[in-house]
All heavy atoms as atom14 arrays in JSON, in Angstrom:
{
  "sequence": "LKYIRCTFVDTMVLMLSKLLYGDRGRFGIQRPLKGPFLLKKETG",
  "atom14_mask": [
    [1, 1, 1, 1, 1, 1, 1, 1, 0, 0, 0, 0, 0, 0],
    [1, 1, 1, 1, 1, 1, 1, 1, 1, 0, 0, 0, 0, 0],
    [1, 1, 1, 1, 1, 1, 1, 1, 1, 1, 1, 1, 0, 0],
    [1, 1, 1, 1, 1, 1, 1, 1, 0, 0, 0, 0, 0, 0],
    [1, 1, 1, 1, 1, 1, 1, 1, 1, 1, 1, 0, 0, 0],
    [1, 1, 1, 1, 1, 1, 0, 0, 0, 0, 0, 0, 0, 0],
    [1, 1, 1, 1, 1, 1, 1, 0, 0, 0, 0, 0, 0, 0],
    [1, 1, 1, 1, 1, 1, 1, 1, 1, 1, 1, 0, 0, 0],
    [1, 1, 1, 1, 1, 1, 1, 0, 0, 0, 0, 0, 0, 0],
    [1, 1, 1, 1, 1, 1, 1, 1, 0, 0, 0, 0, 0, 0],
    [1, 1, 1, 1, 1, 1, 1, 0, 0, 0, 0, 0, 0, 0],
    [1, 1, 1, 1, 1, 1, 1, 1, 0, 0, 0, 0, 0, 0],
    [1, 1, 1, 1, 1, 1, 1, 0, 0, 0, 0, 0, 0, 0],
    [1, 1, 1, 1, 1, 1, 1, 1, 0, 0, 0, 0, 0, 0],
    [1, 1, 1, 1, 1, 1, 1, 1, 0, 0, 0, 0, 0, 0],
    [1, 1, 1, 1, 1, 1, 1, 1, 0, 0, 0, 0, 0, 0],
    [1, 1, 1, 1, 1, 1, 0, 0, 0, 0, 0, 0, 0, 0],
    [1, 1, 1, 1, 1, 1, 1, 1, 1, 0, 0, 0, 0, 0],
    [1, 1, 1, 1, 1, 1, 1, 1, 0, 0, 0, 0, 0, 0],
    [1, 1, 1, 1, 1, 1, 1, 1, 0, 0, 0, 0, 0, 0],
    [1, 1, 1, 1, 1, 1, 1, 1, 1, 1, 1, 1, 0, 0],
    [1, 1, 1, 1, 0, 0, 0, 0, 0, 0, 0, 0, 0, 0],
    [1, 1, 1, 1, 1, 1, 1, 1, 0, 0, 0, 0, 0, 0],
    [1, 1, 1, 1, 1, 1, 1, 1, 1, 1, 1, 0, 0, 0],
    [1, 1, 1, 1, 0, 0, 0, 0, 0, 0, 0, 0, 0, 0],
    [1, 1, 1, 1, 1, 1, 1, 1, 1, 1, 1, 0, 0, 0],
    [1, 1, 1, 1, 1, 1, 1, 1, 1, 1, 1, 0, 0, 0],
    [1, 1, 1, 1, 0, 0, 0, 0, 0, 0, 0, 0, 0, 0],
    [1, 1, 1, 1, 1, 1, 1, 1, 0, 0, 0, 0, 0, 0],
    [1, 1, 1, 1, 1, 1, 1, 1, 1, 0, 0, 0, 0, 0],
    [1, 1, 1, 1, 1, 1, 1, 1, 1, 1, 1, 0, 0, 0],
    [1, 1, 1, 1, 1, 1, 1, 0, 0, 0, 0, 0, 0, 0],
    [1, 1, 1, 1, 1, 1, 1, 1, 0, 0, 0, 0, 0, 0],
    [1, 1, 1, 1, 1, 1, 1, 1, 1, 0, 0, 0, 0, 0],
    [1, 1, 1, 1, 0, 0, 0, 0, 0, 0, 0, 0, 0, 0],
    [1, 1, 1, 1, 1, 1, 1, 0, 0, 0, 0, 0, 0, 0],
    [1, 1, 1, 1, 1, 1, 1, 1, 1, 1, 1, 0, 0, 0],
    [1, 1, 1, 1, 1, 1, 1, 1, 0, 0, 0, 0, 0, 0],
    [1, 1, 1, 1, 1, 1, 1, 1, 0, 0, 0, 0, 0, 0],
    [1, 1, 1, 1, 1, 1, 1, 1, 1, 0, 0, 0, 0, 0],
    [1, 1, 1, 1, 1, 1, 1, 1, 1, 0, 0, 0, 0, 0],
    [1, 1, 1, 1, 1, 1, 1, 1, 1, 0, 0, 0, 0, 0],
    [1, 1, 1, 1, 1, 1, 1, 0, 0, 0, 0, 0, 0, 0],
    [1, 1, 1, 1, 0, 0, 0, 0, 0, 0, 0, 0, 0, 0]
  ],
  "atom14_positions": [
    [[1.82, -39.85, 16.75], [0.45, -39.53, 16.36], [0.19, -39.85, 14.88], [-0.97, -40.02, 14.48], [0.16, -38.05, 16.62], [-0.19, -37.67, 18.07], [-0.27, -36.16, 18.22], [-1.5, -38.32, 18.51], [0.0, 0.0, 0.0], [0.0, 0.0, 0.0], [0.0, 0.0, 0.0], [0.0, 0.0, 0.0], [0.0, 0.0, 0.0], [0.0, 0.0, 0.0]],
    [[1.24, -39.96, 14.1], [1.07, -40.31, 12.69], [0.71, -41.79, 12.52], [0.22, -42.18, 11.46], [2.36, -40.0, 11.92], [2.7, -38.51, 11.86], [3.9, -38.23, 10.98], [5.19, -38.75, 11.58], [6.38, -38.39, 10.77], [0.0, 0.0, 0.0], [0.0, 0.0, 0.0], [0.0, 0.0, 0.0], [0.0, 0.0, 0.0], [0.0, 0.0, 0.0]],
    [[0.95, -42.6, 13.56], [0.79, -44.03, 13.41], [-0.14, -44.66, 14.46], [-0.66, -45.77, 14.23], [2.15, -44.73, 13.51], [3.2, -44.15, 12.59], [4.2, -43.31, 13.09], [3.18, -44.42, 11.23], [5.17, -42.77, 12.24], [4.14, -43.87, 10.38], [5.13, -43.05, 10.9], [6.08, -42.51, 10.07], [0.0, 0.0, 0.0], [0.0, 0.0, 0.0]],
    [[-0.32, -44.0, 15.6], [-1.04, -44.59, 16.73], [-2.17, -43.65, 17.16], [-2.06, -42.43, 17.02], [-0.09, -44.82, 17.93], [1.11, -45.67, 17.51], [-0.81, -45.51, 19.08], [2.14, -45.84, 18.6], [0.0, 0.0, 0.0], [0.0, 0.0, 0.0], [0.0, 0.0, 0.0], [0.0, 0.0, 0.0], [0.0, 0.0, 0.0], [0.0, 0.0, 0.0]],
    [[-3.25, -44.23, 17.67], [-4.38, -43.44, 18.14], [-3.96, -42.46, 19.24], [-3.07, -42.76, 20.06], [-5.48, -44.35, 18.67], [-6.26, -45.08, 17.59], [-7.23, -46.07, 18.19], [-8.13, -45.44, 19.16], [-9.0, -46.12, 19.91], [-9.05, -47.45, 19.81], [-9.79, -45.48, 20.74], [0.0, 0.0, 0.0], [0.0, 0.0, 0.0], [0.0, 0.0, 0.0]],
    [[-4.64, -41.33, 19.26], [-4.3, -40.25, 20.19], [-4.34, -40.72, 21.65], [-3.46, -40.35, 22.44], [-5.28, -39.09, 19.98], [-4.93, -37.64, 20.99], [0.0, 0.0, 0.0], [0.0, 0.0, 0.0], [0.0, 0.0, 0.0], [0.0, 0.0, 0.0], [0.0, 0.0, 0.0], [0.0, 0.0, 0.0], [0.0, 0.0, 0.0], [0.0, 0.0, 0.0]],
    [[-5.32, -41.53, 22.01], [-5.43, -41.97, 23.41], [-4.23, -42.82, 23.83], [-3.78, -42.73, 24.97], [-6.73, -42.77, 23.61], [-6.81, -43.8, 22.6], [-7.95, -41.87, 23.52], [0.0, 0.0, 0.0], [0.0, 0.0, 0.0], [0.0, 0.0, 0.0], [0.0, 0.0, 0.0], [0.0, 0.0, 0.0], [0.0, 0.0, 0.0], [0.0, 0.0, 0.0]],
    [[-3.71, -43.63, 22.91], [-2.53, -44.44, 23.22], [-1.29, -43.56, 23.37], [-0.46, -43.78, 24.25], [-2.31, -45.5, 22.14], [-3.38, -46.56, 22.08], [-3.77, -47.1, 20.88], [-3.97, -47.02, 23.25], [-4.76, -48.09, 20.82], [-4.96, -48.0, 23.21], [-5.36, -48.52, 21.99], [0.0, 0.0, 0.0], [0.0, 0.0, 0.0], [0.0, 0.0, 0.0]],
    [[-1.17, -42.57, 22.5], [-0.04, -41.65, 22.59], [-0.09, -40.88, 23.9], [0.94, -40.71, 24.59], [-0.03, -40.68, 21.39], [1.09, -39.64, 21.55], [0.14, -41.44, 20.08], [0.0, 0.0, 0.0], [0.0, 0.0, 0.0], [0.0, 0.0, 0.0], [0.0, 0.0, 0.0], [0.0, 0.0, 0.0], [0.0, 0.0, 0.0], [0.0, 0.0, 0.0]],
    [[-1.27, -40.43, 24.29], [-1.42, -39.71, 25.55], [-1.0, -40.58, 26.73], [-0.3, -40.12, 27.65], [-2.87, -39.25, 25.74], [-3.16, -37.94, 25.04], [-2.21, -37.2, 24.73], [-4.35, -37.64, 24.79], [0.0, 0.0, 0.0], [0.0, 0.0, 0.0], [0.0, 0.0, 0.0], [0.0, 0.0, 0.0], [0.0, 0.0, 0.0], [0.0, 0.0, 0.0]],
    [[-1.42, -41.84, 26.72], [-1.07, -42.76, 27.82], [0.44, -42.91, 27.92], [1.01, -42.86, 29.03], [-1.73, -44.13, 27.59], [-3.14, -43.97, 27.56], [-1.35, -45.09, 28.71], [0.0, 0.0, 0.0], [0.0, 0.0, 0.0], [0.0, 0.0, 0.0], [0.0, 0.0, 0.0], [0.0, 0.0, 0.0], [0.0, 0.0, 0.0], [0.0, 0.0, 0.0]],
    [[1.1, -43.09, 26.8], [2.54, -43.26, 26.78], [3.26, -42.0, 27.27], [4.15, -42.06, 28.13], [3.0, -43.6, 25.36], [4.52, -43.67, 25.2], [5.01, -43.93, 23.47], [4.46, -42.39, 22.72], [0.0, 0.0, 0.0], [0.0, 0.0, 0.0], [0.0, 0.0, 0.0], [0.0, 0.0, 0.0], [0.0, 0.0, 0.0], [0.0, 0.0, 0.0]],
    [[2.84, -40.86, 26.74], [3.51, -39.59, 27.08], [3.29, -39.24, 28.55], [4.21, -38.77, 29.24], [3.0, -38.46, 26.15], [3.42, -37.1, 26.68], [3.52, -38.66, 24.73], [0.0, 0.0, 0.0], [0.0, 0.0, 0.0], [0.0, 0.0, 0.0], [0.0, 0.0, 0.0], [0.0, 0.0, 0.0], [0.0, 0.0, 0.0], [0.0, 0.0, 0.0]],
    [[2.09, -39.47, 29.06], [1.82, -39.16, 30.46], [2.61, -40.07, 31.4], [3.06, -39.64, 32.47], [0.32, -39.29, 30.75], [-0.56, -38.18, 30.17], [-2.03, -38.47, 30.42], [-0.18, -36.83, 30.77], [0.0, 0.0, 0.0], [0.0, 0.0, 0.0], [0.0, 0.0, 0.0], [0.0, 0.0, 0.0], [0.0, 0.0, 0.0], [0.0, 0.0, 0.0]],
    [[2.8, -41.32, 31.01], [3.61, -42.23, 31.83], [5.05, -41.73, 31.9], [5.66, -41.68, 32.98], [3.57, -43.64, 31.24], [4.4, -44.66, 32.0], [4.41, -46.28, 31.2], [5.29, -45.88, 29.67], [0.0, 0.0, 0.0], [0.0, 0.0, 0.0], [0.0, 0.0, 0.0], [0.0, 0.0, 0.0], [0.0, 0.0, 0.0], [0.0, 0.0, 0.0]],
    [[5.58, -41.32, 30.75], [6.95, -40.8, 30.73], [7.06, -39.48, 31.49], [8.05, -39.23, 32.18], [7.4, -40.61, 29.27], [7.55, -41.9, 28.45], [7.81, -41.57, 26.99], [8.67, -42.76, 29.01], [0.0, 0.0, 0.0], [0.0, 0.0, 0.0], [0.0, 0.0, 0.0], [0.0, 0.0, 0.0], [0.0, 0.0, 0.0], [0.0, 0.0, 0.0]],
    [[6.02, -38.65, 31.39], [6.02, -37.37, 32.1], [6.02, -37.58, 33.61], [6.72, -36.88, 34.35], [4.8, -36.54, 31.69], [4.72, -35.35, 32.43], [0.0, 0.0, 0.0], [0.0, 0.0, 0.0], [0.0, 0.0, 0.0], [0.0, 0.0, 0.0], [0.0, 0.0, 0.0], [0.0, 0.0, 0.0], [0.0, 0.0, 0.0], [0.0, 0.0, 0.0]],
    [[5.26, -38.57, 34.07], [5.22, -38.86, 35.51], [6.56, -39.37, 36.0], [7.02, -39.03, 37.1], [4.12, -39.87, 35.8], [3.86, -40.05, 37.29], [2.62, -40.89, 37.56], [2.35, -41.0, 39.05], [1.14, -41.81, 39.33], [0.0, 0.0, 0.0], [0.0, 0.0, 0.0], [0.0, 0.0, 0.0], [0.0, 0.0, 0.0], [0.0, 0.0, 0.0]],
    [[7.21, -40.21, 35.18], [8.55, -40.68, 35.55], [9.54, -39.53, 35.62], [10.43, -39.5, 36.47], [9.03, -41.72, 34.54], [8.35, -43.09, 34.58], [8.8, -43.94, 33.39], [8.66, -43.8, 35.89], [0.0, 0.0, 0.0], [0.0, 0.0, 0.0], [0.0, 0.0, 0.0], [0.0, 0.0, 0.0], [0.0, 0.0, 0.0], [0.0, 0.0, 0.0]],
    [[9.37, -38.56, 34.73], [10.3, -37.44, 34.64], [10.08, -36.42, 35.74], [11.05, -35.92, 36.34], [10.16, -36.77, 33.27], [11.13, -35.64, 32.93], [12.58, -36.15, 32.9], [10.77, -35.03, 31.58], [0.0, 0.0, 0.0], [0.0, 0.0, 0.0], [0.0, 0.0, 0.0], [0.0, 0.0, 0.0], [0.0, 0.0, 0.0], [0.0, 0.0, 0.0]],
    [[8.81, -36.11, 36.02], [8.52, -35.0, 36.94], [7.96, -35.43, 38.29], [7.91, -34.62, 39.22], [7.52, -34.04, 36.28], [8.08, -33.33, 35.07], [7.61, -33.61, 33.79], [9.08, -32.37, 35.2], [8.12, -32.96, 32.67], [9.59, -31.71, 34.1], [9.11, -32.02, 32.84], [9.62, -31.37, 31.74], [0.0, 0.0, 0.0], [0.0, 0.0, 0.0]],
    [[7.51, -36.68, 38.4], [6.93, -37.11, 39.66], [5.55, -36.51, 39.9], [4.88, -36.06, 38.97], [0.0, 0.0, 0.0], [0.0, 0.0, 0.0], [0.0, 0.0, 0.0], [0.0, 0.0, 0.0], [0.0, 0.0, 0.0], [0.0, 0.0, 0.0], [0.0, 0.0, 0.0], [0.0, 0.0, 0.0], [0.0, 0.0, 0.0], [0.0, 0.0, 0.0]],
    [[5.14, -36.5, 41.16], [3.82, -35.97, 41.53], [3.91, -34.46, 41.7], [4.49, -33.96, 42.66], [3.36, -36.63, 42.84], [1.99, -36.11, 43.29], [1.28, -35.52, 42.45], [1.68, -36.26, 44.48], [0.0, 0.0, 0.0], [0.0, 0.0, 0.0], [0.0, 0.0, 0.0], [0.0, 0.0, 0.0], [0.0, 0.0, 0.0], [0.0, 0.0, 0.0]],
    [[3.3, -33.74, 40.76], [3.34, -32.28, 40.84], [2.2, -31.71, 41.68], [2.18, -30.53, 41.97], [3.27, -31.69, 39.42], [4.43, -32.11, 38.54], [4.36, -31.43, 37.19], [3.17, -31.8, 36.43], [3.07, -32.86, 35.63], [4.11, -33.67, 35.49], [1.95, -33.12, 34.98], [0.0, 0.0, 0.0], [0.0, 0.0, 0.0], [0.0, 0.0, 0.0]],
    [[1.26, -32.58, 42.08], [0.13, -32.13, 42.87], [0.54, -31.51, 44.19], [-0.06, -30.54, 44.66], [0.0, 0.0, 0.0], [0.0, 0.0, 0.0], [0.0, 0.0, 0.0], [0.0, 0.0, 0.0], [0.0, 0.0, 0.0], [0.0, 0.0, 0.0], [0.0, 0.0, 0.0], [0.0, 0.0, 0.0], [0.0, 0.0, 0.0], [0.0, 0.0, 0.0]],
    [[1.6, -32.05, 44.79], [2.01, -31.52, 46.09], [2.65, -30.15, 45.99], [2.88, -29.49, 47.0], [2.97, -32.5, 46.79], [4.24, -32.81, 46.03], [4.92, -34.03, 46.62], [6.14, -34.38, 45.93], [7.35, -34.07, 46.36], [7.51, -33.41, 47.5], [8.42, -34.45, 45.68], [0.0, 0.0, 0.0], [0.0, 0.0, 0.0], [0.0, 0.0, 0.0]],
    [[2.93, -29.71, 44.77], [3.47, -28.37, 44.55], [2.39, -27.4, 44.04], [2.67, -26.26, 43.7], [4.62, -28.41, 43.54], [5.76, -29.27, 43.98], [5.96, -30.51, 43.38], [6.62, -28.87, 44.97], [7.01, -31.33, 43.77], [7.67, -29.68, 45.38], [7.87, -30.91, 44.78], [0.0, 0.0, 0.0], [0.0, 0.0, 0.0], [0.0, 0.0, 0.0]],
    [[1.14, -27.88, 43.99], [0.04, -27.01, 43.58], [-0.29, -27.06, 42.11], [-1.02, -26.21, 41.61], [0.0, 0.0, 0.0], [0.0, 0.0, 0.0], [0.0, 0.0, 0.0], [0.0, 0.0, 0.0], [0.0, 0.0, 0.0], [0.0, 0.0, 0.0], [0.0, 0.0, 0.0], [0.0, 0.0, 0.0], [0.0, 0.0, 0.0], [0.0, 0.0, 0.0]],
    [[0.24, -28.07, 41.4], [-0.04, -28.2, 39.97], [-0.8, -29.49, 39.73], [-0.27, -30.59, 39.91], [1.27, -28.19, 39.15], [2.05, -26.89, 39.4], [0.98, -28.35, 37.66], [3.4, -26.85, 38.74], [0.0, 0.0, 0.0], [0.0, 0.0, 0.0], [0.0, 0.0, 0.0], [0.0, 0.0, 0.0], [0.0, 0.0, 0.0], [0.0, 0.0, 0.0]],
    [[-2.06, -29.37, 39.34], [-2.9, -30.53, 39.07], [-2.89, -30.85, 37.58], [-2.63, -29.99, 36.75], [-4.33, -30.26, 39.54], [-4.44, -29.88, 41.02], [-3.89, -30.95, 41.95], [-4.05, -32.15, 41.69], [-3.27, -30.53, 43.05], [0.0, 0.0, 0.0], [0.0, 0.0, 0.0], [0.0, 0.0, 0.0], [0.0, 0.0, 0.0], [0.0, 0.0, 0.0]],
    [[-3.21, -32.1, 37.27], [-3.22, -32.56, 35.89], [-4.66, -32.69, 35.38], [-5.52, -33.19, 36.11], [-2.52, -33.91, 35.78], [-2.12, -34.31, 34.38], [-1.39, -35.62, 34.39], [-2.31, -36.76, 34.62], [-1.93, -38.01, 34.78], [-0.64, -38.31, 34.76], [-2.82, -38.96, 34.97], [0.0, 0.0, 0.0], [0.0, 0.0, 0.0], [0.0, 0.0, 0.0]],
    [[-4.95, -32.25, 34.15], [-6.3, -32.42, 33.6], [-6.68, -33.89, 33.47], [-5.83, -34.77, 33.42], [-6.19, -31.76, 32.2], [-5.0, -30.88, 32.28], [-4.05, -31.55, 33.22], [0.0, 0.0, 0.0], [0.0, 0.0, 0.0], [0.0, 0.0, 0.0], [0.0, 0.0, 0.0], [0.0, 0.0, 0.0], [0.0, 0.0, 0.0], [0.0, 0.0, 0.0]],
    [[-7.98, -34.14, 33.38], [-8.46, -35.51, 33.24], [-8.15, -36.08, 31.86], [-7.83, -37.26, 31.73], [-9.97, -35.56, 33.5], [-10.42, -35.19, 34.92], [-11.94, -35.19, 35.02], [-9.8, -36.14, 35.95], [0.0, 0.0, 0.0], [0.0, 0.0, 0.0], [0.0, 0.0, 0.0], [0.0, 0.0, 0.0], [0.0, 0.0, 0.0], [0.0, 0.0, 0.0]],
    [[-8.23, -35.26, 30.84], [-7.94, -35.71, 29.48], [-6.46, -35.56, 29.18], [-5.77, -34.71, 29.74], [-8.77, -34.92, 28.47], [-10.26, -35.17, 28.58], [-11.04, -34.43, 27.5], [-12.53, -34.73, 27.6], [-13.31, -34.02, 26.54], [0.0, 0.0, 0.0], [0.0, 0.0, 0.0], [0.0, 0.0, 0.0], [0.0, 0.0, 0.0], [0.0, 0.0, 0.0]],
    [[-5.96, -36.4, 28.27], [-4.55, -36.37, 27.9], [-4.17, -35.1, 27.14], [-5.03, -34.4, 26.6], [0.0, 0.0, 0.0], [0.0, 0.0, 0.0], [0.0, 0.0, 0.0], [0.0, 0.0, 0.0], [0.0, 0.0, 0.0], [0.0, 0.0, 0.0], [0.0, 0.0, 0.0], [0.0, 0.0, 0.0], [0.0, 0.0, 0.0], [0.0, 0.0, 0.0]],
    [[-2.88, -34.81, 27.04], [-2.42, -33.55, 26.45], [-2.76, -33.38, 24.97], [-3.16, -32.3, 24.54], [-0.91, -33.58, 26.67], [-0.56, -35.02, 26.88], [-1.75, -35.61, 27.56], [0.0, 0.0, 0.0], [0.0, 0.0, 0.0], [0.0, 0.0, 0.0], [0.0, 0.0, 0.0], [0.0, 0.0, 0.0], [0.0, 0.0, 0.0], [0.0, 0.0, 0.0]],
    [[-2.63, -34.45, 24.19], [-2.88, -34.32, 22.75], [-4.38, -34.34, 22.45], [-4.84, -33.64, 21.54], [-2.14, -35.41, 21.98], [-0.65, -35.23, 22.01], [0.14, -36.04, 22.81], [-0.04, -34.24, 21.26], [1.51, -35.86, 22.86], [1.34, -34.06, 21.3], [2.12, -34.87, 22.1], [0.0, 0.0, 0.0], [0.0, 0.0, 0.0], [0.0, 0.0, 0.0]],
    [[-5.15, -35.11, 23.22], [-6.6, -35.1, 23.06], [-7.16, -33.73, 23.46], [-8.05, -33.19, 22.79], [-7.25, -36.2, 23.9], [-8.78, -36.31, 23.8], [-9.19, -36.61, 22.36], [-9.3, -37.38, 24.75], [0.0, 0.0, 0.0], [0.0, 0.0, 0.0], [0.0, 0.0, 0.0], [0.0, 0.0, 0.0], [0.0, 0.0, 0.0], [0.0, 0.0, 0.0]],
    [[-6.63, -33.17, 24.54], [-7.07, -31.85, 24.99], [-6.75, -30.78, 23.96], [-7.55, -29.88, 23.71], [-6.4, -31.53, 26.33], [-7.05, -30.45, 27.2], [-8.46, -30.88, 27.62], [-6.2, -30.18, 28.43], [0.0, 0.0, 0.0], [0.0, 0.0, 0.0], [0.0, 0.0, 0.0], [0.0, 0.0, 0.0], [0.0, 0.0, 0.0], [0.0, 0.0, 0.0]],
    [[-5.58, -30.89, 23.36], [-5.19, -29.95, 22.31], [-6.14, -30.07, 21.12], [-6.58, -29.06, 20.54], [-3.76, -30.22, 21.88], [-3.28, -29.42, 20.67], [-3.17, -27.94, 20.96], [-2.58, -27.19, 19.78], [-2.54, -25.73, 19.99], [0.0, 0.0, 0.0], [0.0, 0.0, 0.0], [0.0, 0.0, 0.0], [0.0, 0.0, 0.0], [0.0, 0.0, 0.0]],
    [[-6.48, -31.3, 20.77], [-7.35, -31.54, 19.63], [-8.76, -31.01, 19.87], [-9.38, -30.42, 18.98], [-7.4, -33.05, 19.34], [-8.29, -33.45, 18.18], [-8.27, -34.96, 17.99], [-9.19, -35.38, 16.85], [-9.18, -36.87, 16.67], [0.0, 0.0, 0.0], [0.0, 0.0, 0.0], [0.0, 0.0, 0.0], [0.0, 0.0, 0.0], [0.0, 0.0, 0.0]],
    [[-9.26, -31.19, 21.09], [-10.66, -30.84, 21.38], [-10.84, -29.38, 21.77], [-11.89, -28.79, 21.49], [-11.2, -31.74, 22.5], [-11.35, -33.2, 22.08], [-11.99, -34.05, 23.17], [-12.13, -33.54, 24.31], [-12.33, -35.21, 22.89], [0.0, 0.0, 0.0], [0.0, 0.0, 0.0], [0.0, 0.0, 0.0], [0.0, 0.0, 0.0], [0.0, 0.0, 0.0]],
    [[-9.85, -28.79, 22.44], [-10.03, -27.43, 22.98], [-9.03, -26.42, 22.46], [-9.22, -25.22, 22.64], [-9.94, -27.45, 24.52], [-8.58, -27.73, 24.92], [-10.86, -28.5, 25.12], [0.0, 0.0, 0.0], [0.0, 0.0, 0.0], [0.0, 0.0, 0.0], [0.0, 0.0, 0.0], [0.0, 0.0, 0.0], [0.0, 0.0, 0.0], [0.0, 0.0, 0.0]],
    [[-7.94, -26.9, 21.84], [-6.91, -25.98, 21.39], [-5.9, -25.64, 22.47], [-4.92, -24.94, 22.21], [0.0, 0.0, 0.0], [0.0, 0.0, 0.0], [0.0, 0.0, 0.0], [0.0, 0.0, 0.0], [0.0, 0.0, 0.0], [0.0, 0.0, 0.0], [0.0, 0.0, 0.0], [0.0, 0.0, 0.0], [0.0, 0.0, 0.0], [0.0, 0.0, 0.0]]
  ]
}
């Protein structure tokens, strides 16, 4: 985040998260539409 735009960081982190955890929707956990760091920035 010190060097790259937040949206790019979110895209990278979410791709790695999906590789790590797979589809969590089938276990009842849905993912927000906005990325994790953008969501933190906008909503806390």
